Amino acid sequence: MESTDLSWRLLAKRQWPLALSLTGIVLAETGSIGTALGWWQIPGVLVICVISVLAPRRPFDAALALAFAVVCTALYLRFLGVAFEPHFFVSGATISITGAAMATIAILVRESSRLRAIGGTVLIVAAVITAEVLGWPVVAATEYREWEPDPTSYLIGAAITLVLAVGTGLYFRARDAERASQLAASVAAAQNAERMALARELHDVVAHYVTAIVVHAQAGQLNREVDVLPSIAASGTEALTAMRRLVGTMRDGGSAGPAASSSLVDDVRELVSESGLPVHLSVELQDAVPQELARSVLRLVQESLTNTRKHAASVSSVDVALSSGDGVLRLFVADDGVASGVPVGGSGGYGLVGMRERVELLGGTFSAGRREPTGWTVRAELPLV
């Protein structure tokens, strides 16, 4: 059997308006009960109202139970020789029973499959009709001795209430589908953003150290007198540390990538010294750089230097310039190398894409391209606020 797995707390939060409305109607109806036997309708009416309030937990089961309760209540009232008071239609269901039936149909249409919604609605309508049929002899003997009620007005009223119940259910069903679609789109977008962030970190951080390992290993093959093992070991250790950090990010939900230290200048200088390239560093920072922005700047510098080592040959100088002013941080990286035929370790083509994404996510502008006569230039401008 289907169940929406709605907790009792959520059920109370969602259904209290219906419970309060039905309670008020039942209390108002008790004032019209004129005989002692008429009070026997109260237990059945209360059961029907409770079923309606609990319907979201098991909509189809609630429809079956409500239909059964309506018929049973009408049967024992017929056995006692009394009618529902006040009866909403010609002879049967009261206002509270009609309201409970409408609410149950709306919930059934909203939350159940089409087949179950149709089946449950038919059962509830049949139960109300049965109550009318069972109550008619009692009412006819006491209230309608001199005139016959107009069945047309009864059918019109019944049709209106049914259309209102089904229409309400269809409206909320459409709202739920739209909300679910928006939620799925939001989750997909968040997952994609997280994948892209992790991909950028893998490319910018881990690939940086792996590239260093490959470069040092190739240098050792060309000149066996050069001791490259310490550099390879250091780069391998950094790569493992970066991988563990990324794994921790995926498991714990933290921010990807290492955080910058309190000094962006010191971090950039450390990157430059580790790169093994002839770098000329120029720093003119007039404003404080936020921590998250500093981390992105470090990744941009790191990826630019990695690209130089992978894609350029015969590099004699690399200029790295950081400056700020008018609320904008500017980064400039340029080398004079010649494009190598085959990049070190191959190329996935994601470096520039990742750098552009980083800058655009921070509201900045990014450009990269060849310089004359040889070399490559990277420029980025990032708002400090």
Protein backbone atom coordinates (compact mmCIF):
# COMPACT_ATOMS: atom_id res chain seq x y z
CA MET A 1 0.00 0.00 0.00
CA GLU A 2 1.24 3.50 -0.81
CA SER A 3 2.45 5.82 1.92
CA THR A 4 3.79 9.36 1.68
CA ASP A 5 5.92 8.75 4.80
CA LEU A 6 4.71 12.07 6.20
CA SER A 7 5.84 12.47 9.82
CA TRP A 8 3.29 13.36 12.48
CA ARG A 9 4.87 16.77 13.01
CA LEU A 10 4.71 17.62 9.31
CA LEU A 11 1.19 16.22 9.14
CA ALA A 12 0.08 18.48 12.00
CA LYS A 13 1.76 21.49 10.38
CA ARG A 14 0.06 20.80 7.07
CA GLN A 15 -3.40 19.67 8.21
CA TRP A 16 -4.21 21.91 11.17
CA PRO A 17 -6.38 24.33 9.09
CA LEU A 18 -8.54 21.43 7.90
CA ALA A 19 -8.76 19.94 11.41
CA LEU A 20 -9.74 23.31 12.87
CA SER A 21 -12.35 23.95 10.16
CA LEU A 22 -13.97 20.53 10.52
CA THR A 23 -14.02 20.86 14.31
CA GLY A 24 -15.82 24.20 14.06
CA ILE A 25 -18.38 22.81 11.60
CA VAL A 26 -19.08 19.72 13.76
CA LEU A 27 -19.59 21.92 16.85
CA ALA A 28 -21.98 24.15 14.90
CA GLU A 29 -23.91 21.13 13.63
CA THR A 30 -24.51 19.77 17.12
CA GLY A 31 -26.81 22.73 17.79
CA SER A 32 -29.27 21.47 15.19
CA ILE A 33 -29.63 17.96 16.63
CA GLY A 34 -33.16 17.80 17.98
CA THR A 35 -33.54 14.24 19.28
CA ALA A 36 -31.64 12.03 21.69
CA LEU A 37 -31.07 9.39 19.02
CA GLY A 38 -29.72 12.08 16.70
CA TRP A 39 -26.60 12.38 18.85
CA TRP A 40 -25.53 8.95 17.59
CA GLN A 41 -24.34 10.63 14.40
CA ILE A 42 -21.50 12.37 16.31
CA PRO A 43 -19.19 9.28 16.68
CA GLY A 44 -19.45 8.48 12.98
CA VAL A 45 -18.94 12.10 11.93
CA LEU A 46 -15.85 12.38 14.16
CA VAL A 47 -14.34 9.21 12.69
CA ILE A 48 -14.94 10.48 9.15
CA CYS A 49 -13.32 13.85 9.96
CA VAL A 50 -10.30 12.21 11.60
CA ILE A 51 -9.78 9.98 8.55
CA SER A 52 -9.84 13.07 6.33
CA VAL A 53 -7.25 14.87 8.46
CA LEU A 54 -4.94 11.82 8.41
CA ALA A 55 -5.43 11.19 4.67
CA PRO A 56 -2.02 12.55 3.51
CA ARG A 57 -0.22 9.63 5.19
CA ARG A 58 -2.07 7.00 3.09
CA PRO A 59 -4.41 8.74 0.64
CA PHE A 60 -5.95 5.68 -1.04
CA ASP A 61 -6.35 3.81 2.24
CA ALA A 62 -8.00 6.93 3.68
CA ALA A 63 -10.44 7.04 0.76
CA LEU A 64 -11.43 3.40 1.37
CA ALA A 65 -11.79 3.97 5.12
CA LEU A 66 -13.81 7.17 4.67
CA ALA A 67 -16.19 5.54 2.20
CA PHE A 68 -16.67 2.61 4.59
CA ALA A 69 -17.23 4.94 7.57
CA VAL A 70 -19.83 7.02 5.68
CA VAL A 71 -21.81 3.92 4.70
CA CYS A 72 -21.59 2.41 8.20
CA THR A 73 -22.74 5.66 9.83
CA ALA A 74 -25.66 5.95 7.40
CA LEU A 75 -26.60 2.32 8.05
CA TYR A 76 -26.77 2.54 11.82
CA LEU A 77 -28.63 5.87 11.66
CA ARG A 78 -31.16 4.21 9.33
CA PHE A 79 -31.43 1.35 11.82
CA LEU A 80 -32.12 3.90 14.59
CA GLY A 81 -34.66 5.66 12.41
CA VAL A 82 -32.99 9.07 12.44
CA ALA A 83 -31.37 11.20 9.70
CA PHE A 84 -28.20 13.25 9.58
CA GLU A 85 -28.81 16.69 11.03
CA PRO A 86 -28.46 19.07 9.30
CA HIS A 87 -28.23 17.13 6.04
CA PHE A 88 -26.33 19.05 3.39
CA PHE A 89 -28.10 17.52 0.40
CA VAL A 90 -31.59 16.03 0.25
CA SER A 91 -31.34 13.43 2.96
CA GLY A 92 -27.78 12.35 3.65
CA ALA A 93 -24.31 13.73 4.44
CA THR A 94 -23.89 16.72 6.72
CA ILE A 95 -21.72 19.74 5.90
CA SER A 96 -18.84 18.27 7.93
CA ILE A 97 -19.04 14.90 6.15
CA THR A 98 -19.24 16.62 2.76
CA GLY A 99 -16.22 18.79 3.64
CA ALA A 100 -14.25 15.77 4.84
CA ALA A 101 -15.10 13.88 1.64
CA MET A 102 -14.05 16.85 -0.52
CA ALA A 103 -10.75 17.22 1.35
CA THR A 104 -10.00 13.50 1.03
CA ILE A 105 -10.72 13.56 -2.71
CA ALA A 106 -8.44 16.59 -3.14
CA ILE A 107 -5.63 14.86 -1.23
CA LEU A 108 -6.17 11.64 -3.19
CA VAL A 109 -6.00 13.44 -6.55
CA ARG A 110 -2.95 15.41 -5.41
CA GLU A 111 -0.81 12.54 -4.16
CA SER A 112 -1.98 9.24 -5.67
CA SER A 113 -1.60 7.69 -9.10
CA ARG A 114 -4.27 8.43 -11.67
CA LEU A 115 -5.88 5.00 -11.37
CA ARG A 116 -6.06 5.14 -7.58
CA ALA A 117 -7.32 8.72 -7.64
CA ILE A 118 -10.18 7.76 -9.96
CA GLY A 119 -11.00 4.61 -8.00
CA GLY A 120 -10.93 6.34 -4.62
CA THR A 121 -13.03 9.26 -5.85
CA VAL A 122 -15.66 6.90 -7.28
CA LEU A 123 -15.84 5.02 -3.95
CA ILE A 124 -16.29 8.21 -1.93
CA VAL A 125 -18.99 9.52 -4.30
CA ALA A 126 -20.73 6.13 -4.17
CA ALA A 127 -20.62 6.17 -0.36
CA VAL A 128 -22.22 9.65 -0.21
CA ILE A 129 -24.90 8.54 -2.68
CA THR A 130 -25.52 5.45 -0.52
CA ALA A 131 -25.95 7.69 2.52
CA GLU A 132 -28.49 9.74 0.58
CA VAL A 133 -30.42 6.62 -0.40
CA LEU A 134 -30.37 5.20 3.12
CA GLY A 135 -31.47 8.47 4.68
CA TRP A 136 -34.21 9.34 2.22
CA PRO A 137 -37.02 7.16 3.71
CA VAL A 138 -36.47 8.69 7.16
CA VAL A 139 -36.38 12.25 5.85
CA ALA A 140 -39.30 11.73 3.49
CA ALA A 141 -41.46 10.46 6.33
CA THR A 142 -40.82 13.53 8.48
CA GLU A 143 -39.94 16.56 6.33
CA TYR A 144 -41.19 16.09 2.76
CA ARG A 145 -44.79 14.89 3.14
CA GLU A 146 -46.32 17.75 1.15
CA TRP A 147 -43.69 18.36 -1.58
CA GLU A 148 -40.91 16.57 -3.43
CA PRO A 149 -37.38 18.06 -3.58
CA ASP A 150 -36.00 19.11 -6.98
CA PRO A 151 -33.36 16.52 -7.97
CA THR A 152 -31.84 18.94 -10.50
CA SER A 153 -30.64 21.35 -7.81
CA TYR A 154 -29.25 18.39 -5.85
CA LEU A 155 -27.27 17.12 -8.84
CA ILE A 156 -25.93 20.59 -9.65
CA GLY A 157 -24.77 21.07 -6.06
CA ALA A 158 -23.16 17.63 -5.97
CA ALA A 159 -21.39 18.28 -9.29
CA ILE A 160 -20.05 21.64 -8.08
CA THR A 161 -18.63 20.18 -4.87
CA LEU A 162 -17.04 17.30 -6.79
CA VAL A 163 -15.48 19.64 -9.36
CA LEU A 164 -14.13 21.86 -6.57
CA ALA A 165 -12.55 18.88 -4.80
CA VAL A 166 -10.98 17.39 -7.94
CA GLY A 167 -9.88 20.81 -9.22
CA THR A 168 -8.19 21.63 -5.92
CA GLY A 169 -6.33 18.33 -6.00
CA LEU A 170 -5.21 18.86 -9.59
CA TYR A 171 -4.01 22.39 -8.80
CA PHE A 172 -1.86 21.27 -5.88
CA ARG A 173 -0.64 18.27 -7.90
CA ALA A 174 0.61 20.65 -10.60
CA ARG A 175 2.22 22.86 -7.96
CA ASP A 176 3.98 19.86 -6.43
CA ALA A 177 5.24 18.73 -9.85
CA GLU A 178 6.57 22.21 -10.60
CA ARG A 179 8.26 22.42 -7.20
CA ALA A 180 9.81 18.97 -7.66
CA SER A 181 11.08 19.97 -11.11
CA GLN A 182 12.64 23.16 -9.72
CA LEU A 183 14.22 21.23 -6.86
CA ALA A 184 15.66 18.62 -9.24
CA ALA A 185 17.08 21.39 -11.43
CA SER A 186 18.60 23.12 -8.39
CA VAL A 187 20.16 19.88 -7.16
CA ALA A 188 21.55 19.13 -10.62
CA ALA A 189 22.99 22.64 -10.87
CA ALA A 190 24.57 22.37 -7.42
CA GLN A 191 26.03 18.97 -8.24
CA ASN A 192 27.42 20.26 -11.52
CA ALA A 193 28.93 23.31 -9.82
CA GLU A 194 30.55 21.05 -7.22
CA ARG A 195 31.93 18.75 -9.92
CA MET A 196 33.33 21.72 -11.81
CA ALA A 197 34.94 23.11 -8.64
CA LEU A 198 36.56 19.75 -7.88
CA ALA A 199 37.68 19.41 -11.51
CA ARG A 200 39.32 22.83 -11.34
CA GLU A 201 41.10 21.93 -8.12
CA LEU A 202 42.31 18.62 -9.56
CA HIS A 203 43.60 20.36 -12.65
CA ASP A 204 45.10 23.43 -10.95
CA VAL A 205 46.56 21.82 -7.81
CA VAL A 206 47.25 18.13 -8.36
CA ALA A 207 48.23 18.49 -12.03
CA HIS A 208 50.67 21.24 -11.03
CA TYR A 209 52.68 18.88 -8.83
CA VAL A 210 52.40 15.96 -11.24
CA THR A 211 53.74 18.19 -14.01
CA ALA A 212 56.68 19.11 -11.77
CA ILE A 213 57.41 15.40 -11.22
CA VAL A 214 57.39 14.75 -14.98
CA VAL A 215 59.62 17.77 -15.72
CA HIS A 216 62.16 16.77 -13.08
CA ALA A 217 62.13 13.16 -14.26
CA GLN A 218 62.78 14.23 -17.84
CA ALA A 219 65.59 16.50 -16.67
CA GLY A 220 67.13 13.58 -14.82
CA GLN A 221 66.97 11.44 -17.96
CA LEU A 222 68.74 14.11 -19.99
CA ASN A 223 71.41 14.81 -17.36
CA ARG A 224 72.00 11.91 -15.00
CA GLU A 225 74.43 13.97 -12.93
CA VAL A 226 71.58 16.20 -11.69
CA ASP A 227 70.02 14.94 -8.45
CA VAL A 228 66.28 15.32 -9.14
CA LEU A 229 65.03 12.76 -6.62
CA PRO A 230 64.52 15.27 -3.76
CA SER A 231 62.45 17.52 -6.05
CA ILE A 232 60.40 14.57 -7.29
CA ALA A 233 59.81 13.38 -3.72
CA ALA A 234 58.73 16.87 -2.61
CA SER A 235 56.34 17.24 -5.56
CA GLY A 236 54.93 13.78 -4.97
CA THR A 237 54.33 14.57 -1.29
CA GLU A 238 52.53 17.80 -2.22
CA ALA A 239 50.41 15.94 -4.77
CA LEU A 240 49.38 13.35 -2.17
CA THR A 241 48.57 16.10 0.33
CA ALA A 242 46.41 17.86 -2.25
CA MET A 243 44.61 14.61 -3.10
CA ARG A 244 43.91 13.88 0.57
CA ARG A 245 42.56 17.41 0.96
CA LEU A 246 40.23 16.95 -1.99
CA VAL A 247 39.03 13.57 -0.67
CA GLY A 248 38.37 15.21 2.69
CA THR A 249 36.42 17.93 0.90
CA MET A 250 34.18 15.40 -0.83
CA ARG A 251 33.59 13.42 2.36
CA ASP A 252 33.08 16.33 4.75
CA GLY A 253 31.62 18.99 2.48
CA GLY A 254 34.33 21.57 3.15
CA SER A 255 35.70 24.10 0.68
CA ALA A 256 37.85 22.58 -2.03
CA GLY A 257 41.51 23.34 -2.24
CA PRO A 258 43.97 24.66 0.32
CA ALA A 259 43.28 28.00 1.90
CA ALA A 260 45.69 30.88 1.37
CA SER A 261 47.80 32.03 4.27
CA SER A 262 47.51 35.48 5.78
CA SER A 263 49.96 36.88 3.22
CA LEU A 264 49.14 36.60 -0.47
CA VAL A 265 52.57 37.98 -1.35
CA ASP A 266 54.38 35.26 0.60
CA ASP A 267 52.21 32.55 -0.98
CA VAL A 268 52.90 33.82 -4.49
CA ARG A 269 56.63 34.04 -3.75
CA GLU A 270 56.60 30.44 -2.55
CA LEU A 271 54.85 29.33 -5.74
CA VAL A 272 57.39 31.20 -7.83
CA SER A 273 60.33 29.65 -5.99
CA GLU A 274 58.88 26.14 -6.37
CA SER A 275 58.19 26.55 -10.09
CA GLY A 276 61.84 26.31 -11.12
CA LEU A 277 61.27 28.98 -13.76
CA PRO A 278 63.17 32.29 -14.22
CA VAL A 279 60.36 34.41 -12.76
CA HIS A 280 60.46 38.15 -12.17
CA LEU A 281 57.82 38.98 -9.56
CA SER A 282 56.32 42.43 -9.16
CA VAL A 283 53.78 43.15 -6.41
CA GLU A 284 52.01 46.47 -5.82
CA LEU A 285 49.02 45.75 -3.61
CA GLN A 286 47.42 48.89 -2.22
CA ASP A 287 44.34 47.14 -0.80
CA ALA A 288 43.68 44.20 1.47
CA VAL A 289 42.83 41.01 -0.46
CA PRO A 290 39.99 38.83 0.93
CA GLN A 291 41.01 35.29 1.83
CA GLU A 292 38.82 33.53 -0.74
CA LEU A 293 39.96 35.89 -3.48
CA ALA A 294 43.60 35.30 -2.49
CA ARG A 295 43.11 31.55 -2.87
CA SER A 296 41.75 32.02 -6.40
CA VAL A 297 44.64 34.33 -7.31
CA LEU A 298 47.08 31.66 -6.11
CA ARG A 299 45.39 29.09 -8.35
CA LEU A 300 45.57 31.45 -11.33
CA VAL A 301 49.29 32.04 -10.79
CA GLN A 302 49.87 28.34 -10.22
CA GLU A 303 48.04 27.29 -13.39
CA SER A 304 49.80 29.98 -15.45
CA LEU A 305 53.23 28.76 -14.33
CA THR A 306 52.19 25.15 -14.90
CA ASN A 307 51.11 26.00 -18.45
CA THR A 308 54.47 27.67 -19.07
CA ARG A 309 56.32 24.54 -17.97
CA LYS A 310 54.06 22.24 -19.97
CA HIS A 311 53.64 24.15 -23.19
CA ALA A 312 56.70 26.39 -23.56
CA ALA A 313 60.32 25.67 -24.42
CA SER A 314 63.40 27.89 -24.21
CA VAL A 315 61.87 30.11 -21.54
CA SER A 316 64.33 32.81 -20.47
CA SER A 317 61.99 34.94 -18.36
CA VAL A 318 58.52 34.91 -16.88
CA ASP A 319 56.92 38.12 -15.61
CA VAL A 320 54.36 37.85 -12.81
CA ALA A 321 52.75 41.12 -11.71
CA LEU A 322 50.14 41.66 -9.02
CA SER A 323 48.63 45.08 -8.45
CA SER A 324 45.50 46.63 -7.04
CA GLY A 325 43.71 49.94 -7.27
CA ASP A 326 40.21 51.39 -7.59
CA GLY A 327 38.79 48.27 -5.96
CA VAL A 328 40.25 45.91 -8.58
CA LEU A 329 43.03 43.34 -8.28
CA ARG A 330 45.02 42.84 -11.49
CA LEU A 331 47.11 39.81 -12.38
CA PHE A 332 49.54 39.67 -15.30
CA VAL A 333 51.63 36.64 -16.23
CA ALA A 334 53.77 36.56 -19.39
CA ASP A 335 56.58 34.35 -20.68
CA ASP A 336 58.83 34.49 -23.72
CA GLY A 337 58.91 30.79 -24.45
CA VAL A 338 58.39 29.02 -27.74
CA ALA A 339 55.42 26.67 -28.03
CA SER A 340 56.61 23.10 -27.62
CA GLY A 341 55.34 20.43 -29.95
CA VAL A 342 54.03 17.99 -27.33
CA PRO A 343 53.01 19.28 -23.87
CA VAL A 344 54.56 17.59 -20.87
CA GLY A 345 52.24 14.76 -19.85
CA GLY A 346 49.79 15.64 -22.63
CA SER A 347 47.04 18.24 -22.37
CA GLY A 348 43.37 17.92 -21.57
CA GLY A 349 42.66 21.48 -22.71
CA TYR A 350 40.95 22.43 -19.42
CA GLY A 351 43.51 24.85 -17.97
CA LEU A 352 42.32 28.06 -19.62
CA VAL A 353 38.69 26.97 -19.25
CA GLY A 354 39.15 26.48 -15.51
CA MET A 355 40.93 29.84 -15.09
CA ARG A 356 38.21 31.65 -17.01
CA GLU A 357 35.50 29.97 -14.89
CA ARG A 358 37.26 30.97 -11.67
CA VAL A 359 37.51 34.61 -12.73
CA GLU A 360 33.95 34.84 -14.05
CA LEU A 361 32.51 33.26 -10.90
CA LEU A 362 34.17 36.08 -8.96
CA GLY A 363 32.74 38.73 -11.29
CA GLY A 364 36.03 39.49 -13.04
CA THR A 365 37.40 39.48 -16.57
CA PHE A 366 39.96 37.09 -18.05
CA SER A 367 42.00 37.00 -21.24
CA ALA A 368 44.87 34.86 -22.51
CA GLY A 369 46.73 34.64 -25.79
CA ARG A 370 50.01 34.65 -27.67
CA ARG A 371 52.42 37.58 -27.49
CA GLU A 372 54.82 38.80 -30.12
CA PRO A 373 57.35 37.68 -31.12
CA THR A 374 57.13 34.64 -28.81
CA GLY A 375 55.47 33.77 -25.57
CA TRP A 376 52.10 33.71 -23.86
CA THR A 377 50.19 36.25 -21.77
CA VAL A 378 47.52 35.83 -19.11
CA ARG A 379 45.54 38.77 -17.74
CA ALA A 380 42.86 38.80 -15.06
CA GLU A 381 41.02 41.57 -13.26
CA LEU A 382 39.07 40.67 -10.10
CA PRO A 383 36.88 42.97 -8.00
CA LEU A 384 38.07 43.19 -4.42
CA VAL A 385 34.53 43.62 -3.08
